[in-house]
C-alpha atoms as a PDB file:
ATOM      1  CA  MET A   1       0.000   0.000   0.000  1.00  0.00           C
ATOM      2  CA  MET A   2       1.313   3.440  -0.912  1.00  0.00           C
ATOM      3  CA  LYS A   3       1.650   6.342   1.514  1.00  0.00           C
ATOM      4  CA  ASP A   4      -1.134   8.290  -0.260  1.00  0.00           C
ATOM      5  CA  ASP A   5      -3.509   5.360   0.265  1.00  0.00           C
ATOM      6  CA  VAL A   6      -2.726   5.273   3.978  1.00  0.00           C
ATOM      7  CA  VAL A   7      -3.367   9.020   4.260  1.00  0.00           C
ATOM      8  CA  LYS A   8      -6.730   8.623   2.499  1.00  0.00           C
ATOM      9  CA  ILE A   9      -7.728   5.724   4.742  1.00  0.00           C
ATOM     10  CA  ASP A  10      -6.779   7.729   7.837  1.00  0.00           C
ATOM     11  CA  ALA A  11      -8.871  10.665   6.588  1.00  0.00           C
ATOM     12  CA  VAL A  12     -11.896   8.405   6.062  1.00  0.00           C
ATOM     13  CA  ARG A  13     -11.490   6.902   9.531  1.00  0.00           C
ATOM     14  CA  ALA A  14     -11.286  10.392  11.041  1.00  0.00           C
ATOM     15  CA  HIS A  15     -14.567  11.368   9.369  1.00  0.00           C
ATOM     16  CA  MET A  16     -16.297   8.102  10.271  1.00  0.00           C
ATOM     17  CA  ARG A  17     -15.736   8.889  13.932  1.00  0.00           C
ATOM     18  CA  ASP A  18     -18.216  11.787  13.599  1.00  0.00           C
ATOM     19  CA  ILE A  19     -20.937   9.850  11.754  1.00  0.00           C
ATOM     20  CA  ASP A  20     -23.943   8.504  13.633  1.00  0.00           C
ATOM     21  CA  ARG A  21     -24.232   5.054  12.090  1.00  0.00           C
ATOM     22  CA  THR A  22     -27.477   4.322  13.953  1.00  0.00           C
ATOM     23  CA  LEU A  23     -29.233   6.984  11.877  1.00  0.00           C
ATOM     24  CA  LEU A  24     -27.837   5.469   8.693  1.00  0.00           C
ATOM     25  CA  ARG A  25     -29.038   2.015   9.706  1.00  0.00           C
ATOM     26  CA  GLU A  26     -32.517   3.316  10.590  1.00  0.00           C
ATOM     27  CA  ASN A  27     -32.807   5.108   7.249  1.00  0.00           C
ATOM     28  CA  LEU A  28     -31.715   1.998   5.372  1.00  0.00           C
ATOM     29  CA  LYS A  29     -34.577   0.076   6.995  1.00  0.00           C
ATOM     30  CA  LEU A  30     -37.020   2.383   5.194  1.00  0.00           C
ATOM     31  CA  ASN A  31     -38.160   1.618   1.683  1.00  0.00           C
ATOM     32  CA  PHE A  32     -37.686   4.131  -1.126  1.00  0.00           C
ATOM     33  CA  GLU A  33     -41.141   5.688  -0.692  1.00  0.00           C
ATOM     34  CA  GLN A  34     -40.616   6.186   3.054  1.00  0.00           C
ATOM     35  CA  ARG A  35     -37.198   7.773   2.508  1.00  0.00           C
ATOM     36  CA  ALA A  36     -38.624  10.053  -0.205  1.00  0.00           C
ATOM     37  CA  GLN A  37     -41.460  11.155   2.094  1.00  0.00           C
ATOM     38  CA  LYS A  38     -39.005  11.816   4.916  1.00  0.00           C
ATOM     39  CA  HIS A  39     -36.852  13.882   2.559  1.00  0.00           C
ATOM     40  CA  LEU A  40     -39.890  15.846   1.359  1.00  0.00           C
ATOM     41  CA  ARG A  41     -40.886  16.653   4.954  1.00  0.00           C
ATOM     42  CA  ALA A  42     -37.362  17.899   5.642  1.00  0.00           C
ATOM     43  CA  LEU A  43     -37.479  20.106   2.535  1.00  0.00           C
ATOM     44  CA  GLN A  44     -40.850  21.495   3.596  1.00  0.00           C
ATOM     45  CA  MET A  45     -39.407  22.339   7.013  1.00  0.00           C
ATOM     46  CA  VAL A  46     -36.457  24.141   5.390  1.00  0.00           C
ATOM     47  CA  GLU A  47     -38.823  26.184   3.228  1.00  0.00           C
ATOM     48  CA  GLU A  48     -40.947  27.088   6.252  1.00  0.00           C
ATOM     49  CA  LEU A  49     -37.836  28.195   8.160  1.00  0.00           C
ATOM     50  CA  ARG A  50     -36.774  30.316   5.186  1.00  0.00           C
ATOM     51  CA  ARG A  51     -40.205  31.954   5.007  1.00  0.00           C
ATOM     52  CA  ALA A  52     -40.161  32.634   8.756  1.00  0.00           C
ATOM     53  CA  GLY A  53     -36.651  34.108   8.536  1.00  0.00           C
ATOM     54  CA  LYS A  54     -37.632  36.336   5.635  1.00  0.00           C
ATOM     55  CA  LYS A  55     -40.715  37.515   7.514  1.00  0.00           C
ATOM     56  CA  LEU A  56     -38.628  38.342  10.596  1.00  0.00           C
ATOM     57  CA  ARG A  57     -36.051  40.233   8.536  1.00  0.00           C
ATOM     58  CA  GLN A  58     -38.768  42.252   6.826  1.00  0.00           C
ATOM     59  CA  LYS A  59     -40.368  42.992  10.177  1.00  0.00           C
ATOM     60  CA  SER A  60     -37.088  44.146  11.697  1.00  0.00           C
ATOM     61  CA  ASP A  61     -36.428  46.368   8.661  1.00  0.00           C
ATOM     62  CA  GLY A  62     -39.773  48.086   9.284  1.00  0.00           C
ATOM     63  CA  ARG A  63     -41.454  46.838   6.131  1.00  0.00           C
END
């Protein structure tokens, strides 16, 4: 194995330390439709947060 390969493997291991594998396993138990619905709900929440943030900024600007 070359030194570059070892560095890459070490980098992957360092990142894996910060990953919650239980969440990955739980998501993999869902079928495609369930994962798609979960993703859609998350996107809807992001949009709602954006709308709320925009509303607050407009309110603080006196609009």
